[in-house]
Amino acid sequence: MKKEEKGQIIDGLVEQINSYPHIYIADTSGLNAADTSALRRLCFGRGIKLVVAKNTLLKKALEQADGQYEELYGVLKTPTSVLFSNESSTPAKLIKEFRKSHNRPLLKAAYVEESVYVGENQLEVLATIKSKNELIGDIILLLQSPAKNVVSALQSGSHLLAGLVKTLSEKE
């Protein structure tokens, strides 16, 4: 491969790294062509971009990209596939689902919500992690709950309040 071709590949990887907030690095070696094709179709259906990259080119792309990816360099040893996603837990859920019928992909590391997770043992944590938007929605729901209770109490007690005001005004 010529230096120019390598530069183009690195530039493409940098662009993808900067475009997606969540990056999963996995080992898909050992999958045959049919299984790899099935994994790619599953990724495409869920809005995940799957790219196979040479470790040296991926490392150079991570070095040039915007972000702190130094902790990921250590996992770039065996054949590497990169899953790019806009949703934090979708790739982890996809890997878990695919592994029900296959022995790969193995999670090497992930960069999710500006945090680095290294190792296969982090897959369960990543599958249950909530995105920032989901957390904001949960907080809004919790904040709305007390306000709804006050409003409903006032509405249900409006007849009682009206009766009290009428009784008080009659006594005067």
N, C-alpha and C. Protein backbone atom coordinates (compact mmCIF):
# COMPACT_ATOMS: atom_id res chain seq x y z
N MET A 1 0.86 -1.18 0.00
CA MET A 1 0.00 0.00 0.00
C MET A 1 0.90 1.23 0.00
N LYS A 2 0.59 2.16 -0.87
CA LYS A 2 1.39 3.38 -0.98
C LYS A 2 1.06 4.34 0.14
N LYS A 3 2.00 5.24 0.37
CA LYS A 3 1.83 6.23 1.44
C LYS A 3 0.60 7.10 1.21
N GLU A 4 0.33 7.43 -0.03
CA GLU A 4 -0.84 8.27 -0.36
C GLU A 4 -2.14 7.54 0.01
N GLU A 5 -2.19 6.23 -0.29
CA GLU A 5 -3.38 5.45 0.03
C GLU A 5 -3.58 5.37 1.54
N LYS A 6 -2.49 5.18 2.26
CA LYS A 6 -2.56 5.14 3.72
C LYS A 6 -3.07 6.47 4.27
N GLY A 7 -2.57 7.57 3.69
CA GLY A 7 -3.01 8.89 4.12
C GLY A 7 -4.50 9.09 3.89
N GLN A 8 -5.00 8.60 2.77
CA GLN A 8 -6.44 8.72 2.49
C GLN A 8 -7.26 7.90 3.48
N ILE A 9 -6.77 6.70 3.79
CA ILE A 9 -7.49 5.85 4.75
C ILE A 9 -7.50 6.51 6.13
N ILE A 10 -6.36 7.05 6.54
CA ILE A 10 -6.28 7.72 7.85
C ILE A 10 -7.21 8.92 7.88
N ASP A 11 -7.22 9.71 6.82
CA ASP A 11 -8.11 10.88 6.75
C ASP A 11 -9.58 10.46 6.85
N GLY A 12 -9.95 9.37 6.19
CA GLY A 12 -11.32 8.86 6.25
C GLY A 12 -11.68 8.41 7.66
N LEU A 13 -10.73 7.73 8.31
CA LEU A 13 -10.97 7.29 9.69
C LEU A 13 -11.10 8.47 10.64
N VAL A 14 -10.26 9.48 10.47
CA VAL A 14 -10.32 10.68 11.32
C VAL A 14 -11.69 11.34 11.16
N GLU A 15 -12.15 11.43 9.94
CA GLU A 15 -13.46 12.05 9.68
C GLU A 15 -14.58 11.28 10.37
N GLN A 16 -14.51 9.95 10.32
CA GLN A 16 -15.54 9.14 10.97
C GLN A 16 -15.44 9.24 12.49
N ILE A 17 -14.24 9.23 13.02
CA ILE A 17 -14.05 9.35 14.47
C ILE A 17 -14.62 10.67 14.97
N ASN A 18 -14.38 11.73 14.22
CA ASN A 18 -14.88 13.05 14.62
C ASN A 18 -16.39 13.18 14.41
N SER A 19 -16.98 12.36 13.54
CA SER A 19 -18.41 12.45 13.23
C SER A 19 -19.28 11.69 14.23
N TYR A 20 -18.73 10.65 14.83
CA TYR A 20 -19.53 9.81 15.72
C TYR A 20 -19.06 9.98 17.16
N PRO A 21 -20.00 10.16 18.10
CA PRO A 21 -19.59 10.35 19.50
C PRO A 21 -19.23 9.06 20.23
N HIS A 22 -19.62 7.91 19.67
CA HIS A 22 -19.40 6.63 20.35
C HIS A 22 -18.65 5.68 19.43
N ILE A 23 -17.54 5.12 19.95
CA ILE A 23 -16.69 4.25 19.16
C ILE A 23 -16.46 2.95 19.94
N TYR A 24 -16.75 1.85 19.29
CA TYR A 24 -16.50 0.53 19.87
C TYR A 24 -15.42 -0.15 19.04
N ILE A 25 -14.43 -0.73 19.71
CA ILE A 25 -13.38 -1.46 19.03
C ILE A 25 -13.56 -2.93 19.38
N ALA A 26 -13.69 -3.77 18.35
CA ALA A 26 -13.99 -5.18 18.57
C ALA A 26 -13.08 -6.07 17.73
N ASP A 27 -13.02 -7.33 18.12
CA ASP A 27 -12.26 -8.34 17.39
C ASP A 27 -13.27 -9.23 16.68
N THR A 28 -13.31 -9.15 15.35
CA THR A 28 -14.24 -9.98 14.57
C THR A 28 -13.50 -11.08 13.83
N SER A 29 -12.23 -11.29 14.15
CA SER A 29 -11.48 -12.35 13.47
C SER A 29 -12.12 -13.69 13.81
N GLY A 30 -12.08 -14.59 12.88
CA GLY A 30 -12.68 -15.90 13.10
C GLY A 30 -14.10 -16.00 12.55
N LEU A 31 -14.70 -14.89 12.18
CA LEU A 31 -16.02 -14.95 11.56
C LEU A 31 -15.84 -15.26 10.08
N ASN A 32 -16.65 -16.18 9.56
CA ASN A 32 -16.57 -16.46 8.13
C ASN A 32 -17.30 -15.38 7.34
N ALA A 33 -17.27 -15.48 6.03
CA ALA A 33 -17.84 -14.43 5.18
C ALA A 33 -19.34 -14.26 5.42
N ALA A 34 -20.06 -15.35 5.58
CA ALA A 34 -21.51 -15.26 5.80
C ALA A 34 -21.82 -14.59 7.13
N ASP A 35 -21.07 -14.94 8.18
CA ASP A 35 -21.30 -14.33 9.50
C ASP A 35 -20.94 -12.85 9.49
N THR A 36 -19.84 -12.52 8.81
CA THR A 36 -19.43 -11.12 8.70
C THR A 36 -20.48 -10.31 7.96
N SER A 37 -21.03 -10.89 6.91
CA SER A 37 -22.08 -10.22 6.14
C SER A 37 -23.33 -10.03 7.00
N ALA A 38 -23.67 -11.04 7.79
CA ALA A 38 -24.84 -10.92 8.68
C ALA A 38 -24.61 -9.83 9.72
N LEU A 39 -23.39 -9.75 10.26
CA LEU A 39 -23.06 -8.71 11.23
C LEU A 39 -23.16 -7.32 10.59
N ARG A 40 -22.65 -7.19 9.38
CA ARG A 40 -22.73 -5.90 8.68
C ARG A 40 -24.17 -5.48 8.43
N ARG A 41 -25.02 -6.43 8.02
CA ARG A 41 -26.44 -6.12 7.80
C ARG A 41 -27.11 -5.68 9.09
N LEU A 42 -26.80 -6.38 10.18
CA LEU A 42 -27.37 -6.02 11.48
C LEU A 42 -26.93 -4.62 11.90
N CYS A 43 -25.66 -4.32 11.69
CA CYS A 43 -25.14 -2.98 12.01
C CYS A 43 -25.84 -1.92 11.17
N PHE A 44 -25.96 -2.17 9.86
CA PHE A 44 -26.60 -1.20 8.97
C PHE A 44 -28.04 -0.94 9.40
N GLY A 45 -28.75 -1.99 9.80
CA GLY A 45 -30.14 -1.85 10.21
C GLY A 45 -30.31 -1.03 11.48
N ARG A 46 -29.27 -0.94 12.29
CA ARG A 46 -29.35 -0.20 13.55
C ARG A 46 -28.61 1.13 13.50
N GLY A 47 -28.17 1.53 12.33
CA GLY A 47 -27.50 2.82 12.20
C GLY A 47 -26.07 2.83 12.71
N ILE A 48 -25.43 1.67 12.70
CA ILE A 48 -24.05 1.55 13.16
C ILE A 48 -23.16 1.35 11.94
N LYS A 49 -22.06 2.05 11.91
CA LYS A 49 -21.11 1.90 10.80
C LYS A 49 -19.99 0.97 11.25
N LEU A 50 -19.79 -0.13 10.53
CA LEU A 50 -18.76 -1.11 10.84
C LEU A 50 -17.62 -0.96 9.84
N VAL A 51 -16.41 -0.75 10.37
CA VAL A 51 -15.22 -0.57 9.53
C VAL A 51 -14.12 -1.48 10.06
N VAL A 52 -13.47 -2.19 9.14
CA VAL A 52 -12.29 -2.98 9.50
C VAL A 52 -11.08 -2.14 9.16
N ALA A 53 -10.15 -2.02 10.12
CA ALA A 53 -9.00 -1.14 9.91
C ALA A 53 -7.73 -1.80 10.43
N LYS A 54 -6.63 -1.46 9.79
CA LYS A 54 -5.33 -1.90 10.29
C LYS A 54 -5.04 -1.11 11.57
N ASN A 55 -4.46 -1.80 12.53
CA ASN A 55 -4.21 -1.18 13.83
C ASN A 55 -3.32 0.05 13.74
N THR A 56 -2.28 0.01 12.92
CA THR A 56 -1.37 1.16 12.82
C THR A 56 -2.08 2.37 12.23
N LEU A 57 -2.92 2.14 11.22
CA LEU A 57 -3.65 3.25 10.60
C LEU A 57 -4.70 3.80 11.56
N LEU A 58 -5.36 2.90 12.28
CA LEU A 58 -6.36 3.35 13.26
C LEU A 58 -5.71 4.16 14.37
N LYS A 59 -4.55 3.74 14.82
CA LYS A 59 -3.85 4.48 15.88
C LYS A 59 -3.48 5.88 15.40
N LYS A 60 -2.98 5.98 14.18
CA LYS A 60 -2.64 7.30 13.64
C LYS A 60 -3.88 8.18 13.50
N ALA A 61 -4.99 7.57 13.11
CA ALA A 61 -6.24 8.33 12.99
C ALA A 61 -6.71 8.81 14.36
N LEU A 62 -6.61 7.95 15.37
CA LEU A 62 -7.01 8.34 16.73
C LEU A 62 -6.12 9.46 17.25
N GLU A 63 -4.84 9.43 16.90
CA GLU A 63 -3.92 10.49 17.33
C GLU A 63 -4.29 11.83 16.69
N GLN A 64 -4.76 11.80 15.45
CA GLN A 64 -5.09 13.03 14.73
C GLN A 64 -6.50 13.54 15.03
N ALA A 65 -7.36 12.68 15.54
CA ALA A 65 -8.76 13.05 15.78
C ALA A 65 -8.90 13.97 16.98
N ASP A 66 -10.06 14.65 17.03
CA ASP A 66 -10.39 15.50 18.17
C ASP A 66 -10.89 14.62 19.31
N GLY A 67 -10.19 14.61 20.42
CA GLY A 67 -10.61 13.81 21.56
C GLY A 67 -9.43 13.16 22.25
N GLN A 68 -9.70 12.55 23.38
CA GLN A 68 -8.66 11.90 24.18
C GLN A 68 -8.82 10.39 24.04
N TYR A 69 -8.07 9.80 23.13
CA TYR A 69 -8.20 8.37 22.83
C TYR A 69 -6.98 7.56 23.24
N GLU A 70 -6.07 8.12 24.02
CA GLU A 70 -4.82 7.44 24.35
C GLU A 70 -5.04 6.08 25.01
N GLU A 71 -6.08 5.96 25.83
CA GLU A 71 -6.34 4.70 26.53
C GLU A 71 -6.72 3.57 25.58
N LEU A 72 -7.12 3.91 24.36
CA LEU A 72 -7.51 2.90 23.39
C LEU A 72 -6.31 2.28 22.67
N TYR A 73 -5.17 2.94 22.70
CA TYR A 73 -4.01 2.47 21.94
C TYR A 73 -3.58 1.07 22.36
N GLY A 74 -3.71 0.73 23.61
CA GLY A 74 -3.26 -0.56 24.12
C GLY A 74 -4.01 -1.76 23.58
N VAL A 75 -5.23 -1.56 23.11
CA VAL A 75 -6.02 -2.69 22.60
C VAL A 75 -5.84 -2.92 21.11
N LEU A 76 -5.05 -2.10 20.48
CA LEU A 76 -4.85 -2.22 19.03
C LEU A 76 -3.75 -3.23 18.73
N LYS A 77 -4.05 -4.50 18.95
CA LYS A 77 -3.05 -5.54 18.74
C LYS A 77 -3.53 -6.60 17.77
N THR A 78 -4.64 -7.22 18.03
CA THR A 78 -5.16 -8.26 17.14
C THR A 78 -6.05 -7.60 16.08
N PRO A 79 -6.54 -8.36 15.08
CA PRO A 79 -7.39 -7.75 14.04
C PRO A 79 -8.52 -6.92 14.66
N THR A 80 -8.74 -5.77 14.08
CA THR A 80 -9.65 -4.80 14.69
C THR A 80 -10.77 -4.38 13.75
N SER A 81 -11.97 -4.35 14.30
CA SER A 81 -13.14 -3.76 13.64
C SER A 81 -13.62 -2.62 14.52
N VAL A 82 -14.06 -1.57 13.88
CA VAL A 82 -14.53 -0.39 14.61
C VAL A 82 -16.01 -0.20 14.31
N LEU A 83 -16.79 -0.03 15.37
CA LEU A 83 -18.21 0.25 15.23
C LEU A 83 -18.46 1.69 15.65
N PHE A 84 -18.95 2.49 14.74
CA PHE A 84 -19.25 3.90 15.00
C PHE A 84 -20.76 4.04 15.18
N SER A 85 -21.16 4.78 16.22
CA SER A 85 -22.59 4.92 16.49
C SER A 85 -22.91 6.29 17.07
N ASN A 86 -24.13 6.73 16.85
CA ASN A 86 -24.62 7.97 17.46
C ASN A 86 -25.32 7.69 18.79
N GLU A 87 -25.62 6.43 19.07
CA GLU A 87 -26.27 6.04 20.31
C GLU A 87 -25.28 5.24 21.15
N SER A 88 -25.27 5.50 22.44
CA SER A 88 -24.23 4.95 23.31
C SER A 88 -24.31 3.44 23.52
N SER A 89 -25.48 2.88 23.72
CA SER A 89 -25.56 1.47 24.09
C SER A 89 -25.93 0.55 22.93
N THR A 90 -26.31 1.08 21.79
CA THR A 90 -26.76 0.25 20.67
C THR A 90 -25.70 -0.75 20.20
N PRO A 91 -24.42 -0.36 20.03
CA PRO A 91 -23.43 -1.36 19.60
C PRO A 91 -23.23 -2.48 20.63
N ALA A 92 -23.27 -2.16 21.90
CA ALA A 92 -23.11 -3.19 22.93
C ALA A 92 -24.28 -4.17 22.89
N LYS A 93 -25.48 -3.65 22.73
CA LYS A 93 -26.65 -4.52 22.62
C LYS A 93 -26.56 -5.39 21.38
N LEU A 94 -26.09 -4.82 20.28
CA LEU A 94 -25.93 -5.56 19.03
C LEU A 94 -24.90 -6.69 19.21
N ILE A 95 -23.77 -6.40 19.84
CA ILE A 95 -22.74 -7.42 20.07
C ILE A 95 -23.30 -8.54 20.93
N LYS A 96 -24.02 -8.19 22.00
CA LYS A 96 -24.61 -9.22 22.86
C LYS A 96 -25.59 -10.09 22.08
N GLU A 97 -26.42 -9.47 21.27
CA GLU A 97 -27.40 -10.21 20.49
C GLU A 97 -26.72 -11.13 19.48
N PHE A 98 -25.71 -10.62 18.79
CA PHE A 98 -25.01 -11.40 17.77
C PHE A 98 -24.27 -12.57 18.40
N ARG A 99 -23.79 -12.38 19.60
CA ARG A 99 -23.03 -13.43 20.28
C ARG A 99 -23.90 -14.56 20.82
N LYS A 100 -25.20 -14.41 20.76
CA LYS A 100 -26.08 -15.50 21.16
C LYS A 100 -25.93 -16.68 20.19
N SER A 101 -25.60 -16.37 18.93
CA SER A 101 -25.46 -17.42 17.93
C SER A 101 -24.04 -17.54 17.36
N HIS A 102 -23.13 -16.67 17.79
CA HIS A 102 -21.74 -16.69 17.31
C HIS A 102 -20.80 -16.47 18.49
N ASN A 103 -19.53 -16.80 18.30
CA ASN A 103 -18.57 -16.58 19.39
C ASN A 103 -17.84 -15.24 19.27
N ARG A 104 -18.09 -14.49 18.26
CA ARG A 104 -17.49 -13.18 18.04
C ARG A 104 -18.60 -12.21 17.68
N PRO A 105 -18.41 -10.94 17.72
CA PRO A 105 -17.20 -10.17 18.02
C PRO A 105 -16.93 -10.08 19.52
N LEU A 106 -15.67 -9.93 19.83
CA LEU A 106 -15.24 -9.71 21.21
C LEU A 106 -14.97 -8.23 21.40
N LEU A 107 -15.48 -7.66 22.46
CA LEU A 107 -15.25 -6.24 22.73
C LEU A 107 -13.84 -6.04 23.27
N LYS A 108 -13.09 -5.17 22.61
CA LYS A 108 -11.75 -4.82 23.09
C LYS A 108 -11.83 -3.57 23.96
N ALA A 109 -12.53 -2.55 23.44
CA ALA A 109 -12.65 -1.29 24.17
C ALA A 109 -13.77 -0.46 23.54
N ALA A 110 -14.18 0.57 24.26
CA ALA A 110 -15.20 1.47 23.75
C ALA A 110 -14.96 2.87 24.29
N TYR A 111 -15.29 3.86 23.48
CA TYR A 111 -15.26 5.26 23.88
C TYR A 111 -16.70 5.73 23.83
N VAL A 112 -17.33 5.83 25.02
CA VAL A 112 -18.75 6.13 25.13
C VAL A 112 -18.95 7.25 26.13
N GLU A 113 -19.74 8.26 25.73
CA GLU A 113 -20.05 9.39 26.62
C GLU A 113 -18.77 9.98 27.22
N GLU A 114 -17.76 10.12 26.38
CA GLU A 114 -16.47 10.71 26.74
C GLU A 114 -15.72 9.92 27.81
N SER A 115 -16.04 8.62 27.95
CA SER A 115 -15.34 7.74 28.88
C SER A 115 -14.84 6.52 28.10
N VAL A 116 -13.75 5.94 28.60
CA VAL A 116 -13.17 4.77 27.95
C VAL A 116 -13.46 3.53 28.78
N TYR A 117 -13.93 2.49 28.12
CA TYR A 117 -14.20 1.20 28.74
C TYR A 117 -13.33 0.18 28.04
N VAL A 118 -12.48 -0.54 28.79
CA VAL A 118 -11.55 -1.49 28.20
C VAL A 118 -11.87 -2.90 28.69
N GLY A 119 -12.00 -3.81 27.75
CA GLY A 119 -12.16 -5.21 28.09
C GLY A 119 -13.55 -5.76 27.82
N GLU A 120 -13.58 -7.05 27.58
CA GLU A 120 -14.81 -7.78 27.31
C GLU A 120 -15.78 -7.71 28.49
N ASN A 121 -15.25 -7.62 29.70
CA ASN A 121 -16.10 -7.59 30.90
C ASN A 121 -16.93 -6.31 31.01
N GLN A 122 -16.67 -5.33 30.18
CA GLN A 122 -17.42 -4.07 30.21
C GLN A 122 -18.67 -4.10 29.32
N LEU A 123 -18.87 -5.20 28.59
CA LEU A 123 -19.98 -5.28 27.64
C LEU A 123 -21.34 -5.12 28.32
N GLU A 124 -21.53 -5.76 29.45
CA GLU A 124 -22.81 -5.67 30.16
C GLU A 124 -23.08 -4.24 30.64
N VAL A 125 -22.05 -3.59 31.14
CA VAL A 125 -22.19 -2.20 31.60
C VAL A 125 -22.57 -1.30 30.43
N LEU A 126 -21.91 -1.49 29.30
CA LEU A 126 -22.17 -0.66 28.13
C LEU A 126 -23.57 -0.89 27.57
N ALA A 127 -24.06 -2.11 27.67
CA ALA A 127 -25.39 -2.41 27.15
C ALA A 127 -26.49 -1.73 27.96
N THR A 128 -26.21 -1.43 29.23
CA THR A 128 -27.24 -0.83 30.09
C THR A 128 -27.04 0.67 30.28
N ILE A 129 -25.98 1.23 29.75
CA ILE A 129 -25.70 2.65 29.96
C ILE A 129 -26.76 3.49 29.23
N LYS A 130 -27.16 4.57 29.85
CA LYS A 130 -28.13 5.47 29.24
C LYS A 130 -27.41 6.63 28.58
N SER A 131 -27.98 7.10 27.49
CA SER A 131 -27.41 8.25 26.80
C SER A 131 -27.73 9.53 27.58
N LYS A 132 -27.07 10.61 27.22
CA LYS A 132 -27.33 11.89 27.89
C LYS A 132 -28.79 12.30 27.72
N ASN A 133 -29.35 12.10 26.53
CA ASN A 133 -30.74 12.48 26.29
C ASN A 133 -31.71 11.66 27.14
N GLU A 134 -31.42 10.35 27.32
CA GLU A 134 -32.27 9.52 28.17
C GLU A 134 -32.19 9.98 29.63
N LEU A 135 -31.00 10.34 30.09
CA LEU A 135 -30.85 10.83 31.46
C LEU A 135 -31.57 12.15 31.66
N ILE A 136 -31.48 13.04 30.69
CA ILE A 136 -32.18 14.33 30.78
C ILE A 136 -33.69 14.09 30.83
N GLY A 137 -34.18 13.15 30.01
CA GLY A 137 -35.60 12.80 30.03
C GLY A 137 -36.03 12.26 31.39
N ASP A 138 -35.20 11.41 32.00
CA ASP A 138 -35.51 10.89 33.32
C ASP A 138 -35.58 12.00 34.36
N ILE A 139 -34.65 12.94 34.30
CA ILE A 139 -34.64 14.05 35.26
C ILE A 139 -35.87 14.92 35.08
N ILE A 140 -36.24 15.22 33.85
CA ILE A 140 -37.43 16.03 33.59
C ILE A 140 -38.68 15.32 34.12
N LEU A 141 -38.74 14.00 33.90
CA LEU A 141 -39.87 13.23 34.40
C LEU A 141 -39.95 13.29 35.92
N LEU A 142 -38.80 13.18 36.59
CA LEU A 142 -38.78 13.26 38.05
C LEU A 142 -39.18 14.65 38.55
N LEU A 143 -38.75 15.68 37.85
CA LEU A 143 -39.11 17.05 38.24
C LEU A 143 -40.58 17.34 38.01
N GLN A 144 -41.15 16.75 36.97
CA GLN A 144 -42.56 16.98 36.66
C GLN A 144 -43.49 16.28 37.64
N SER A 145 -43.05 15.17 38.19
CA SER A 145 -43.90 14.37 39.05
C SER A 145 -44.44 15.14 40.26
N PRO A 146 -43.61 15.84 41.05
CA PRO A 146 -44.17 16.59 42.18
C PRO A 146 -45.12 17.71 41.74
N ALA A 147 -44.80 18.36 40.66
CA ALA A 147 -45.67 19.43 40.17
C ALA A 147 -47.03 18.86 39.76
N LYS A 148 -47.03 17.70 39.13
CA LYS A 148 -48.29 17.08 38.74
C LYS A 148 -49.11 16.71 39.97
N ASN A 149 -48.44 16.24 41.02
CA ASN A 149 -49.16 15.88 42.24
C ASN A 149 -49.83 17.10 42.88
N VAL A 150 -49.13 18.22 42.91
CA VAL A 150 -49.69 19.44 43.49
C VAL A 150 -50.89 19.91 42.67
N VAL A 151 -50.74 19.90 41.34
CA VAL A 151 -51.84 20.34 40.48
C VAL A 151 -53.05 19.43 40.64
N SER A 152 -52.81 18.13 40.65
CA SER A 152 -53.95 17.22 40.78
C SER A 152 -54.61 17.34 42.16
N ALA A 153 -53.83 17.58 43.20
CA ALA A 153 -54.41 17.78 44.54
C ALA A 153 -55.26 19.04 44.58
N LEU A 154 -54.77 20.09 43.95
CA LEU A 154 -55.55 21.34 43.91
C LEU A 154 -56.83 21.15 43.10
N GLN A 155 -56.72 20.42 41.99
CA GLN A 155 -57.91 20.20 41.17
C GLN A 155 -58.93 19.32 41.88
N SER A 156 -58.46 18.28 42.55
CA SER A 156 -59.40 17.40 43.23
C SER A 156 -59.98 18.06 44.48
N GLY A 157 -59.26 18.98 45.07
CA GLY A 157 -59.75 19.66 46.26
C GLY A 157 -60.43 20.98 45.96
N SER A 158 -60.67 21.29 44.70
CA SER A 158 -61.27 22.58 44.36
C SER A 158 -62.69 22.69 44.92
N HIS A 159 -63.43 21.60 44.94
CA HIS A 159 -64.80 21.64 45.49
C HIS A 159 -64.75 21.89 47.00
N LEU A 160 -63.79 21.26 47.65
CA LEU A 160 -63.63 21.43 49.09
C LEU A 160 -63.25 22.88 49.41
N LEU A 161 -62.31 23.44 48.63
CA LEU A 161 -61.90 24.83 48.86
C LEU A 161 -63.05 25.80 48.61
N ALA A 162 -63.80 25.53 47.57
CA ALA A 162 -64.95 26.41 47.28
C ALA A 162 -65.96 26.35 48.41
N GLY A 163 -66.18 25.15 48.94
CA GLY A 163 -67.11 25.01 50.07
C GLY A 163 -66.61 25.74 51.30
N LEU A 164 -65.34 25.67 51.59
CA LEU A 164 -64.78 26.37 52.75
C LEU A 164 -64.90 27.87 52.59
N VAL A 165 -64.57 28.36 51.39
CA VAL A 165 -64.66 29.82 51.14
C VAL A 165 -66.12 30.25 51.29
N LYS A 166 -67.08 29.50 50.79
CA LYS A 166 -68.50 29.85 50.90
C LYS A 166 -68.94 29.86 52.35
N THR A 167 -68.52 28.86 53.13
CA THR A 167 -68.89 28.77 54.54
C THR A 167 -68.31 29.94 55.31
N LEU A 168 -67.05 30.27 55.06
CA LEU A 168 -66.41 31.40 55.74
C LEU A 168 -67.08 32.72 55.39
N SER A 169 -67.46 32.87 54.14
CA SER A 169 -68.09 34.14 53.73
C SER A 169 -69.50 34.24 54.33
N GLU A 170 -70.16 33.15 54.56
CA GLU A 170 -71.50 33.18 55.15
C GLU A 170 -71.46 33.53 56.62
N LYS A 171 -70.38 33.15 57.32
CA LYS A 171 -70.25 33.43 58.75
C LYS A 171 -70.06 34.93 59.00
N GLU A 172 -69.50 35.62 58.09
CA GLU A 172 -69.23 37.05 58.30
C GLU A 172 -70.51 37.78 58.09
